[in-house]
Amino acid sequence: GAYDILTRNREYIMKTQGVDIEVKYILDRDVTPLE
């Protein structure tokens, strides 16, 4: 849920908060959740 908000609202957060946030890594046991 946090990832979805950060990606979908990225432009909005940049405009209103002046911060451009990029998720660089996602730590998990395996890649399946990302896929």
Full PDB file with SEQRES, HELIX, SHEET, SSBOND, CRYST1, ORIGX, SCALE, CONECT and MASTER records, all heavy atoms in Angstrom:
SEQRES   1 A   35  GLY ALA TYR ASP ILE LEU THR ARG ASN ARG GLU TYR ILE          
SEQRES   2 A   35  MET LYS THR GLN GLY VAL ASP ILE GLU VAL LYS TYR ILE          
SEQRES   3 A   35  LEU ASP ARG ASP VAL THR PRO LEU GLU                          
HELIX    1 AA1 ALA A    2  ARG A    8  1                                   7    
HELIX    2 AA2 ARG A   10  GLN A   17  1                                   8    
CRYST1    1.000    1.000    1.000  90.00  90.00  90.00 P 1           1          
ORIGX1      1.000000  0.000000  0.000000        0.00000                         
ORIGX2      0.000000  1.000000  0.000000        0.00000                         
ORIGX3      0.000000  0.000000  1.000000        0.00000                         
SCALE1      1.000000  0.000000  0.000000        0.00000                         
SCALE2      0.000000  1.000000  0.000000        0.00000                         
SCALE3      0.000000  0.000000  1.000000        0.00000                         
ATOM      1  N   GLY A   1       0.813  -1.211   0.000  1.00  0.00           N  
ATOM      2  CA  GLY A   1       0.000   0.000   0.000  1.00  0.00           C  
ATOM      3  C   GLY A   1       0.843   1.255   0.000  1.00  0.00           C  
ATOM      4  O   GLY A   1       0.544   2.224  -0.716  1.00  0.00           O  
ATOM      5  N   ALA A   2       1.919   1.249   0.787  1.00  0.00           N  
ATOM      6  CA  ALA A   2       2.818   2.407   0.818  1.00  0.00           C  
ATOM      7  C   ALA A   2       3.499   2.603  -0.533  1.00  0.00           C  
ATOM      8  O   ALA A   2       3.608   3.739  -1.025  1.00  0.00           O  
ATOM      9  CB  ALA A   2       3.865   2.209   1.916  1.00  0.00           C  
ATOM     10  N   TYR A   3       3.933   1.497  -1.147  1.00  0.00           N  
ATOM     11  CA  TYR A   3       4.579   1.594  -2.472  1.00  0.00           C  
ATOM     12  C   TYR A   3       3.607   2.185  -3.497  1.00  0.00           C  
ATOM     13  O   TYR A   3       3.981   3.056  -4.290  1.00  0.00           O  
ATOM     14  CB  TYR A   3       5.044   0.218  -2.933  1.00  0.00           C  
ATOM     15  CG  TYR A   3       5.658   0.236  -4.320  1.00  0.00           C  
ATOM     16  CD1 TYR A   3       7.004   0.554  -4.495  1.00  0.00           C  
ATOM     17  CD2 TYR A   3       4.890  -0.033  -5.448  1.00  0.00           C  
ATOM     18  CE1 TYR A   3       7.569   0.597  -5.770  1.00  0.00           C  
ATOM     19  CE2 TYR A   3       5.435   0.010  -6.720  1.00  0.00           C  
ATOM     20  CZ  TYR A   3       6.771   0.327  -6.881  1.00  0.00           C  
ATOM     21  OH  TYR A   3       7.324   0.386  -8.136  1.00  0.00           O  
ATOM     22  N   ASP A   4       2.370   1.716  -3.484  1.00  0.00           N  
ATOM     23  CA  ASP A   4       1.381   2.207  -4.440  1.00  0.00           C  
ATOM     24  C   ASP A   4       1.170   3.715  -4.304  1.00  0.00           C  
ATOM     25  O   ASP A   4       1.103   4.446  -5.297  1.00  0.00           O  
ATOM     26  CB  ASP A   4       0.048   1.494  -4.248  1.00  0.00           C  
ATOM     27  CG  ASP A   4       0.096   0.034  -4.680  1.00  0.00           C  
ATOM     28  OD1 ASP A   4       1.043  -0.336  -5.406  1.00  0.00           O  
ATOM     29  OD2 ASP A   4      -0.802  -0.736  -4.277  1.00  0.00           O  
ATOM     30  N   ILE A   5       1.056   4.194  -3.066  1.00  0.00           N  
ATOM     31  CA  ILE A   5       0.838   5.623  -2.851  1.00  0.00           C  
ATOM     32  C   ILE A   5       2.053   6.427  -3.308  1.00  0.00           C  
ATOM     33  O   ILE A   5       1.928   7.471  -3.964  1.00  0.00           O  
ATOM     34  CB  ILE A   5       0.527   5.901  -1.366  1.00  0.00           C  
ATOM     35  CG1 ILE A   5      -0.800   5.251  -0.972  1.00  0.00           C  
ATOM     36  CG2 ILE A   5       0.471   7.414  -1.085  1.00  0.00           C  
ATOM     37  CD1 ILE A   5      -1.081   5.257   0.523  1.00  0.00           C  
ATOM     38  N   LEU A   6       3.234   5.944  -2.969  1.00  0.00           N  
ATOM     39  CA  LEU A   6       4.464   6.649  -3.342  1.00  0.00           C  
ATOM     40  C   LEU A   6       4.632   6.747  -4.853  1.00  0.00           C  
ATOM     41  O   LEU A   6       5.159   7.748  -5.363  1.00  0.00           O  
ATOM     42  CB  LEU A   6       5.674   5.948  -2.728  1.00  0.00           C  
ATOM     43  CG  LEU A   6       5.872   6.145  -1.230  1.00  0.00           C  
ATOM     44  CD1 LEU A   6       6.863   5.133  -0.672  1.00  0.00           C  
ATOM     45  CD2 LEU A   6       6.337   7.563  -0.924  1.00  0.00           C  
ATOM     46  N   THR A   7       4.205   5.730  -5.578  1.00  0.00           N  
ATOM     47  CA  THR A   7       4.363   5.752  -7.038  1.00  0.00           C  
ATOM     48  C   THR A   7       3.212   6.492  -7.723  1.00  0.00           C  
ATOM     49  O   THR A   7       3.440   7.333  -8.598  1.00  0.00           O  
ATOM     50  CB  THR A   7       4.476   4.321  -7.586  1.00  0.00           C  
ATOM     51  OG1 THR A   7       3.392   3.522  -7.085  1.00  0.00           O  
ATOM     52  CG2 THR A   7       5.784   3.682  -7.163  1.00  0.00           C  
ATOM     53  N   ARG A   8       1.978   6.214  -7.318  1.00  0.00           N  
ATOM     54  CA  ARG A   8       0.824   6.853  -7.952  1.00  0.00           C  
ATOM     55  C   ARG A   8       0.759   8.353  -7.664  1.00  0.00           C  
ATOM     56  O   ARG A   8       0.348   9.143  -8.516  1.00  0.00           O  
ATOM     57  CB  ARG A   8      -0.471   6.189  -7.483  1.00  0.00           C  
ATOM     58  CG  ARG A   8      -0.652   4.764  -7.954  1.00  0.00           C  
ATOM     59  CD  ARG A   8      -1.843   4.111  -7.276  1.00  0.00           C  
ATOM     60  NE  ARG A   8      -1.940   2.691  -7.596  1.00  0.00           N  
ATOM     61  CZ  ARG A   8      -2.757   1.843  -6.980  1.00  0.00           C  
ATOM     62  NH1 ARG A   8      -3.540   2.283  -5.999  1.00  0.00           N  
ATOM     63  NH2 ARG A   8      -2.775   0.570  -7.327  1.00  0.00           N  
ATOM     64  N   ASN A   9       1.167   8.747  -6.464  1.00  0.00           N  
ATOM     65  CA  ASN A   9       1.071  10.155  -6.063  1.00  0.00           C  
ATOM     66  C   ASN A   9       2.420  10.861  -6.095  1.00  0.00           C  
ATOM     67  O   ASN A   9       2.583  11.914  -5.470  1.00  0.00           O  
ATOM     68  CB  ASN A   9       0.476  10.265  -4.654  1.00  0.00           C  
ATOM     69  CG  ASN A   9      -1.015  10.025  -4.633  1.00  0.00           C  
ATOM     70  OD1 ASN A   9      -1.610   9.664  -5.637  1.00  0.00           O  
ATOM     71  ND2 ASN A   9      -1.630  10.222  -3.484  1.00  0.00           N  
ATOM     72  N   ARG A  10       3.366  10.309  -6.820  1.00  0.00           N  
ATOM     73  CA  ARG A  10       4.718  10.883  -6.832  1.00  0.00           C  
ATOM     74  C   ARG A  10       4.720  12.338  -7.302  1.00  0.00           C  
ATOM     75  O   ARG A  10       5.314  13.211  -6.646  1.00  0.00           O  
ATOM     76  CB  ARG A  10       5.641  10.045  -7.712  1.00  0.00           C  
ATOM     77  CG  ARG A  10       7.087  10.517  -7.687  1.00  0.00           C  
ATOM     78  CD  ARG A  10       7.988   9.538  -8.409  1.00  0.00           C  
ATOM     79  NE  ARG A  10       9.374   9.992  -8.418  1.00  0.00           N  
ATOM     80  CZ  ARG A  10      10.385   9.278  -8.916  1.00  0.00           C  
ATOM     81  NH1 ARG A  10      10.157   8.059  -9.433  1.00  0.00           N  
ATOM     82  NH2 ARG A  10      11.624   9.757  -8.900  1.00  0.00           N  
ATOM     83  N   GLU A  11       4.041  12.612  -8.408  1.00  0.00           N  
ATOM     84  CA  GLU A  11       3.991  13.980  -8.929  1.00  0.00           C  
ATOM     85  C   GLU A  11       3.276  14.910  -7.953  1.00  0.00           C  
ATOM     86  O   GLU A  11       3.695  16.049  -7.739  1.00  0.00           O  
ATOM     87  CB  GLU A  11       3.300  13.994 -10.296  1.00  0.00           C  
ATOM     88  CG  GLU A  11       4.042  13.254 -11.389  1.00  0.00           C  
ATOM     89  CD  GLU A  11       5.370  13.916 -11.745  1.00  0.00           C  
ATOM     90  OE1 GLU A  11       5.444  15.157 -11.653  1.00  0.00           O  
ATOM     91  OE2 GLU A  11       6.318  13.195 -12.101  1.00  0.00           O  
ATOM     92  N   TYR A  12       2.202  14.425  -7.366  1.00  0.00           N  
ATOM     93  CA  TYR A  12       1.435  15.234  -6.409  1.00  0.00           C  
ATOM     94  C   TYR A  12       2.286  15.569  -5.184  1.00  0.00           C  
ATOM     95  O   TYR A  12       2.277  16.713  -4.692  1.00  0.00           O  
ATOM     96  CB  TYR A  12       0.179  14.470  -5.992  1.00  0.00           C  
ATOM     97  CG  TYR A  12      -0.644  15.161  -4.935  1.00  0.00           C  
ATOM     98  CD1 TYR A  12      -1.466  16.235  -5.263  1.00  0.00           C  
ATOM     99  CD2 TYR A  12      -0.597  14.742  -3.605  1.00  0.00           C  
ATOM    100  CE1 TYR A  12      -2.218  16.884  -4.295  1.00  0.00           C  
ATOM    101  CE2 TYR A  12      -1.339  15.379  -2.623  1.00  0.00           C  
ATOM    102  CZ  TYR A  12      -2.156  16.448  -2.981  1.00  0.00           C  
ATOM    103  OH  TYR A  12      -2.890  17.091  -2.015  1.00  0.00           O  
ATOM    104  N   ILE A  13       3.026  14.593  -4.682  1.00  0.00           N  
ATOM    105  CA  ILE A  13       3.893  14.820  -3.513  1.00  0.00           C  
ATOM    106  C   ILE A  13       4.999  15.814  -3.862  1.00  0.00           C  
ATOM    107  O   ILE A  13       5.348  16.697  -3.062  1.00  0.00           O  
ATOM    108  CB  ILE A  13       4.476  13.483  -3.012  1.00  0.00           C  
ATOM    109  CG1 ILE A  13       3.359  12.609  -2.425  1.00  0.00           C  
ATOM    110  CG2 ILE A  13       5.558  13.719  -1.957  1.00  0.00           C  
ATOM    111  CD1 ILE A  13       3.775  11.183  -2.132  1.00  0.00           C  
ATOM    112  N   MET A  14       5.536  15.703  -5.071  1.00  0.00           N  
ATOM    113  CA  MET A  14       6.553  16.657  -5.516  1.00  0.00           C  
ATOM    114  C   MET A  14       5.990  18.078  -5.529  1.00  0.00           C  
ATOM    115  O   MET A  14       6.633  19.029  -5.041  1.00  0.00           O  
ATOM    116  CB  MET A  14       7.059  16.289  -6.917  1.00  0.00           C  
ATOM    117  CG  MET A  14       7.945  15.058  -6.984  1.00  0.00           C  
ATOM    118  SD  MET A  14       8.319  14.580  -8.703  1.00  0.00           S  
ATOM    119  CE  MET A  14       9.125  16.066  -9.320  1.00  0.00           C  
ATOM    120  N   LYS A  15       4.783  18.211  -6.048  1.00  0.00           N  
ATOM    121  CA  LYS A  15       4.163  19.532  -6.192  1.00  0.00           C  
ATOM    122  C   LYS A  15       3.798  20.138  -4.847  1.00  0.00           C  
ATOM    123  O   LYS A  15       4.018  21.334  -4.604  1.00  0.00           O  
ATOM    124  CB  LYS A  15       2.915  19.406  -7.063  1.00  0.00           C  
ATOM    125  CG  LYS A  15       2.185  20.723  -7.295  1.00  0.00           C  
ATOM    126  CD  LYS A  15       0.972  20.517  -8.184  1.00  0.00           C  
ATOM    127  CE  LYS A  15       0.227  21.834  -8.393  1.00  0.00           C  
ATOM    128  NZ  LYS A  15      -0.983  21.646  -9.257  1.00  0.00           N  
ATOM    129  N   THR A  16       3.228  19.338  -3.948  1.00  0.00           N  
ATOM    130  CA  THR A  16       2.721  19.882  -2.687  1.00  0.00           C  
ATOM    131  C   THR A  16       3.739  19.882  -1.559  1.00  0.00           C  
ATOM    132  O   THR A  16       3.676  20.717  -0.656  1.00  0.00           O  
ATOM    133  CB  THR A  16       1.479  19.104  -2.223  1.00  0.00           C  
ATOM    134  OG1 THR A  16       1.824  17.732  -2.014  1.00  0.00           O  
ATOM    135  CG2 THR A  16       0.360  19.198  -3.255  1.00  0.00           C  
ATOM    136  N   GLN A  17       4.688  18.929  -1.587  1.00  0.00           N  
ATOM    137  CA  GLN A  17       5.635  18.794  -0.492  1.00  0.00           C  
ATOM    138  C   GLN A  17       7.077  19.132  -0.862  1.00  0.00           C  
ATOM    139  O   GLN A  17       7.941  19.223   0.009  1.00  0.00           O  
ATOM    140  CB  GLN A  17       5.590  17.350   0.061  1.00  0.00           C  
ATOM    141  CG  GLN A  17       4.222  16.912   0.536  1.00  0.00           C  
ATOM    142  CD  GLN A  17       3.680  17.793   1.644  1.00  0.00           C  
ATOM    143  OE1 GLN A  17       4.406  18.145   2.578  1.00  0.00           O  
ATOM    144  NE2 GLN A  17       2.410  18.171   1.551  1.00  0.00           N  
ATOM    145  N   GLY A  18       7.310  19.292  -2.167  1.00  0.00           N  
ATOM    146  CA  GLY A  18       8.659  19.647  -2.595  1.00  0.00           C  
ATOM    147  C   GLY A  18       9.671  18.542  -2.405  1.00  0.00           C  
ATOM    148  O   GLY A  18      10.866  18.794  -2.229  1.00  0.00           O  
ATOM    149  N   VAL A  19       9.203  17.293  -2.455  1.00  0.00           N  
ATOM    150  CA  VAL A  19      10.081  16.138  -2.257  1.00  0.00           C  
ATOM    151  C   VAL A  19       9.826  15.122  -3.375  1.00  0.00           C  
ATOM    152  O   VAL A  19       8.674  14.721  -3.600  1.00  0.00           O  
ATOM    153  CB  VAL A  19       9.828  15.464  -0.889  1.00  0.00           C  
ATOM    154  CG1 VAL A  19      10.799  14.303  -0.697  1.00  0.00           C  
ATOM    155  CG2 VAL A  19       9.981  16.462   0.250  1.00  0.00           C  
ATOM    156  N   ASP A  20      10.879  14.716  -4.057  1.00  0.00           N  
ATOM    157  CA  ASP A  20      10.765  13.689  -5.103  1.00  0.00           C  
ATOM    158  C   ASP A  20      11.283  12.374  -4.515  1.00  0.00           C  
ATOM    159  O   ASP A  20      12.485  12.199  -4.318  1.00  0.00           O  
ATOM    160  CB  ASP A  20      11.585  14.093  -6.330  1.00  0.00           C  
ATOM    161  CG  ASP A  20      11.447  13.080  -7.464  1.00  0.00           C  
ATOM    162  OD1 ASP A  20      10.527  12.231  -7.394  1.00  0.00           O  
ATOM    163  OD2 ASP A  20      12.249  13.145  -8.412  1.00  0.00           O  
ATOM    164  N   ILE A  21      10.358  11.459  -4.253  1.00  0.00           N  
ATOM    165  CA  ILE A  21      10.706  10.217  -3.553  1.00  0.00           C  
ATOM    166  C   ILE A  21      10.775   9.056  -4.536  1.00  0.00           C  
ATOM    167  O   ILE A  21       9.827   8.786  -5.269  1.00  0.00           O  
ATOM    168  CB  ILE A  21       9.672   9.905  -2.452  1.00  0.00           C  
ATOM    169  CG1 ILE A  21       9.549  11.086  -1.486  1.00  0.00           C  
ATOM    170  CG2 ILE A  21      10.073   8.640  -1.683  1.00  0.00           C  
ATOM    171  CD1 ILE A  21       8.414  10.944  -0.490  1.00  0.00           C  
ATOM    172  N   GLU A  22      11.887   8.343  -4.491  1.00  0.00           N  
ATOM    173  CA  GLU A  22      12.089   7.171  -5.352  1.00  0.00           C  
ATOM    174  C   GLU A  22      12.383   5.953  -4.484  1.00  0.00           C  
ATOM    175  O   GLU A  22      13.259   5.987  -3.623  1.00  0.00           O  
ATOM    176  CB  GLU A  22      13.254   7.399  -6.312  1.00  0.00           C  
ATOM    177  CG  GLU A  22      13.550   6.185  -7.191  1.00  0.00           C  
ATOM    178  CD  GLU A  22      14.781   6.384  -8.056  1.00  0.00           C  
ATOM    179  OE1 GLU A  22      15.078   7.543  -8.425  1.00  0.00           O  
ATOM    180  OE2 GLU A  22      15.466   5.374  -8.347  1.00  0.00           O  
ATOM    181  N   VAL A  23      11.637   4.873  -4.716  1.00  0.00           N  
ATOM    182  CA  VAL A  23      11.914   3.609  -4.028  1.00  0.00           C  
ATOM    183  C   VAL A  23      13.045   2.923  -4.778  1.00  0.00           C  
ATOM    184  O   VAL A  23      12.890   2.523  -5.933  1.00  0.00           O  
ATOM    185  CB  VAL A  23      10.668   2.705  -3.986  1.00  0.00           C  
ATOM    186  CG1 VAL A  23      11.003   1.372  -3.309  1.00  0.00           C  
ATOM    187  CG2 VAL A  23       9.522   3.392  -3.257  1.00  0.00           C  
ATOM    188  N   LYS A  24      14.192   2.791  -4.102  1.00  0.00           N  
ATOM    189  CA  LYS A  24      15.364   2.195  -4.760  1.00  0.00           C  
ATOM    190  C   LYS A  24      15.394   0.686  -4.588  1.00  0.00           C  
ATOM    191  O   LYS A  24      15.773  -0.035  -5.532  1.00  0.00           O  
ATOM    192  CB  LYS A  24      16.648   2.801  -4.188  1.00  0.00           C  
ATOM    193  CG  LYS A  24      17.913   2.290  -4.885  1.00  0.00           C  
ATOM    194  CD  LYS A  24      19.167   3.006  -4.415  1.00  0.00           C  
ATOM    195  CE  LYS A  24      20.393   2.501  -5.164  1.00  0.00           C  
ATOM    196  NZ  LYS A  24      21.632   3.206  -4.733  1.00  0.00           N  
ATOM    197  N   TYR A  25      15.027   0.187  -3.390  1.00  0.00           N  
ATOM    198  CA  TYR A  25      15.061  -1.249  -3.133  1.00  0.00           C  
ATOM    199  C   TYR A  25      13.828  -1.685  -2.351  1.00  0.00           C  
ATOM    200  O   TYR A  25      13.268  -0.922  -1.562  1.00  0.00           O  
ATOM    201  CB  TYR A  25      16.304  -1.639  -2.311  1.00  0.00           C  
ATOM    202  CG  TYR A  25      17.619  -1.526  -3.040  1.00  0.00           C  
ATOM    203  CD1 TYR A  25      18.608  -0.677  -2.566  1.00  0.00           C  
ATOM    204  CD2 TYR A  25      17.868  -2.280  -4.180  1.00  0.00           C  
ATOM    205  CE1 TYR A  25      19.833  -0.571  -3.214  1.00  0.00           C  
ATOM    206  CE2 TYR A  25      19.089  -2.178  -4.838  1.00  0.00           C  
ATOM    207  CZ  TYR A  25      20.055  -1.321  -4.356  1.00  0.00           C  
ATOM    208  OH  TYR A  25      21.253  -1.218  -5.006  1.00  0.00           O  
ATOM    209  N   ILE A  26      13.454  -2.933  -2.579  1.00  0.00           N  
ATOM    210  CA  ILE A  26      12.423  -3.592  -1.775  1.00  0.00           C  
ATOM    211  C   ILE A  26      13.013  -4.895  -1.260  1.00  0.00           C  
ATOM    212  O   ILE A  26      13.377  -5.780  -2.047  1.00  0.00           O  
ATOM    213  CB  ILE A  26      11.142  -3.863  -2.578  1.00  0.00           C  
ATOM    214  CG1 ILE A  26      10.507  -2.546  -3.026  1.00  0.00           C  
ATOM    215  CG2 ILE A  26      10.148  -4.677  -1.740  1.00  0.00           C  
ATOM    216  CD1 ILE A  26       9.303  -2.713  -3.930  1.00  0.00           C  
ATOM    217  N   LEU A  27      13.143  -4.991   0.060  1.00  0.00           N  
ATOM    218  CA  LEU A  27      13.718  -6.184   0.679  1.00  0.00           C  
ATOM    219  C   LEU A  27      12.623  -7.212   0.941  1.00  0.00           C  
ATOM    220  O   LEU A  27      11.597  -6.895   1.544  1.00  0.00           O  
ATOM    221  CB  LEU A  27      14.392  -5.813   2.000  1.00  0.00           C  
ATOM    222  CG  LEU A  27      15.089  -6.943   2.753  1.00  0.00           C  
ATOM    223  CD1 LEU A  27      16.454  -7.226   2.137  1.00  0.00           C  
ATOM    224  CD2 LEU A  27      15.244  -6.600   4.232  1.00  0.00           C  
ATOM    225  N   ASP A  28      12.835  -8.442   0.493  1.00  0.00           N  
ATOM    226  CA  ASP A  28      11.888  -9.522   0.765  1.00  0.00           C  
ATOM    227  C   ASP A  28      12.616 -10.853   0.621  1.00  0.00           C  
ATOM    228  O   ASP A  28      13.783 -10.889   0.222  1.00  0.00           O  
ATOM    229  CB  ASP A  28      10.678  -9.451  -0.181  1.00  0.00           C  
ATOM    230  CG  ASP A  28       9.378  -9.808   0.532  1.00  0.00           C  
ATOM    231  OD1 ASP A  28       9.338 -10.891   1.155  1.00  0.00           O  
ATOM    232  OD2 ASP A  28       8.418  -9.015   0.490  1.00  0.00           O  
ATOM    233  N   ARG A  29      11.912 -11.938   0.983  1.00  0.00           N  
ATOM    234  CA  ARG A  29      12.547 -13.258   0.927  1.00  0.00           C  
ATOM    235  C   ARG A  29      12.873 -13.664  -0.501  1.00  0.00           C  
ATOM    236  O   ARG A  29      13.903 -14.277  -0.775  1.00  0.00           O  
ATOM    237  CB  ARG A  29      11.637 -14.307   1.568  1.00  0.00           C  
ATOM    238  CG  ARG A  29      11.470 -14.161   3.077  1.00  0.00           C  
ATOM    239  CD  ARG A  29      10.701 -15.335   3.641  1.00  0.00           C  
ATOM    240  NE  ARG A  29      10.504 -15.225   5.076  1.00  0.00           N  
ATOM    241  CZ  ARG A  29       9.471 -14.648   5.644  1.00  0.00           C  
ATOM    242  NH1 ARG A  29       8.509 -14.104   4.876  1.00  0.00           N  
ATOM    243  NH2 ARG A  29       9.359 -14.575   6.953  1.00  0.00           N  
ATOM    244  N   ASP A  30      11.940 -13.390  -1.425  1.00  0.00           N  
ATOM    245  CA  ASP A  30      12.175 -13.684  -2.837  1.00  0.00           C  
ATOM    246  C   ASP A  30      11.454 -12.644  -3.677  1.00  0.00           C  
ATOM    247  O   ASP A  30      10.760 -11.768  -3.156  1.00  0.00           O  
ATOM    248  CB  ASP A  30      11.729 -15.107  -3.197  1.00  0.00           C  
ATOM    249  CG  ASP A  30      10.256 -15.349  -2.921  1.00  0.00           C  
ATOM    250  OD1 ASP A  30       9.412 -14.645  -3.513  1.00  0.00           O  
ATOM    251  OD2 ASP A  30       9.938 -16.241  -2.098  1.00  0.00           O  
ATOM    252  N   VAL A  31      11.602 -12.747  -4.967  1.00  0.00           N  
ATOM    253  CA  VAL A  31      11.100 -11.722  -5.881  1.00  0.00           C  
ATOM    254  C   VAL A  31       9.602 -11.857  -6.169  1.00  0.00           C  
ATOM    255  O   VAL A  31       8.989 -10.969  -6.756  1.00  0.00           O  
ATOM    256  CB  VAL A  31      11.918 -11.771  -7.202  1.00  0.00           C  
ATOM    257  CG1 VAL A  31      11.490 -12.976  -8.054  1.00  0.00           C  
ATOM    258  CG2 VAL A  31      11.786 -10.470  -7.975  1.00  0.00           C  
ATOM    259  N   THR A  32       8.992 -12.953  -5.734  1.00  0.00           N  
ATOM    260  CA  THR A  32       7.581 -13.230  -6.069  1.00  0.00           C  
ATOM    261  C   THR A  32       6.621 -12.097  -5.717  1.00  0.00           C  
ATOM    262  O   THR A  32       5.767 -11.731  -6.551  1.00  0.00           O  
ATOM    263  CB  THR A  32       7.122 -14.538  -5.393  1.00  0.00           C  
ATOM    264  OG1 THR A  32       8.002 -15.595  -5.752  1.00  0.00           O  
ATOM    265  CG2 THR A  32       5.703 -14.896  -5.814  1.00  0.00           C  
ATOM    266  N   PRO A  33       6.679 -11.506  -4.511  1.00  0.00           N  
ATOM    267  CA  PRO A  33       5.745 -10.424  -4.186  1.00  0.00           C  
ATOM    268  C   PRO A  33       5.834  -9.250  -5.177  1.00  0.00           C  
ATOM    269  O   PRO A  33       4.813  -8.614  -5.478  1.00  0.00           O  
ATOM    270  CB  PRO A  33       6.166  -9.998  -2.777  1.00  0.00           C  
ATOM    271  CG  PRO A  33       6.810 -11.207  -2.193  1.00  0.00           C  
ATOM    272  CD  PRO A  33       7.523 -11.846  -3.339  1.00  0.00           C  
ATOM    273  N   LEU A  34       7.034  -8.955  -5.651  1.00  0.00           N  
ATOM    274  CA  LEU A  34       7.188  -7.868  -6.626  1.00  0.00           C  
ATOM    275  C   LEU A  34       6.557  -8.252  -7.956  1.00  0.00           C  
ATOM    276  O   LEU A  34       5.852  -7.444  -8.584  1.00  0.00           O  
ATOM    277  CB  LEU A  34       8.671  -7.544  -6.841  1.00  0.00           C  
ATOM    278  CG  LEU A  34       9.372  -6.714  -5.759  1.00  0.00           C  
ATOM    279  CD1 LEU A  34       9.683  -7.558  -4.532  1.00  0.00           C  
ATOM    280  CD2 LEU A  34      10.649  -6.083  -6.297  1.00  0.00           C  
ATOM    281  N   GLU A  35       6.783  -9.491  -8.385  1.00  0.00           N  
ATOM    282  CA  GLU A  35       6.228  -9.950  -9.657  1.00  0.00           C  
ATOM    283  C   GLU A  35       4.703  -9.933  -9.627  1.00  0.00           C  
ATOM    284  O   GLU A  35       4.053  -9.541 -10.608  1.00  0.00           O  
ATOM    285  CB  GLU A  35       6.732 -11.359  -9.957  1.00  0.00           C  
ATOM    286  CG  GLU A  35       8.226 -11.417 -10.242  1.00  0.00           C  
ATOM    287  CD  GLU A  35       8.743 -12.836 -10.395  1.00  0.00           C  
ATOM    288  OE1 GLU A  35       8.104 -13.774  -9.865  1.00  0.00           O  
ATOM    289  OE2 GLU A  35       9.787 -13.009 -11.053  1.00  0.00           O  
TER     290      GLU A  35                                                      
MASTER        0    0    0    2    0    0    0    6  289    1    0    3          
END                                                                             
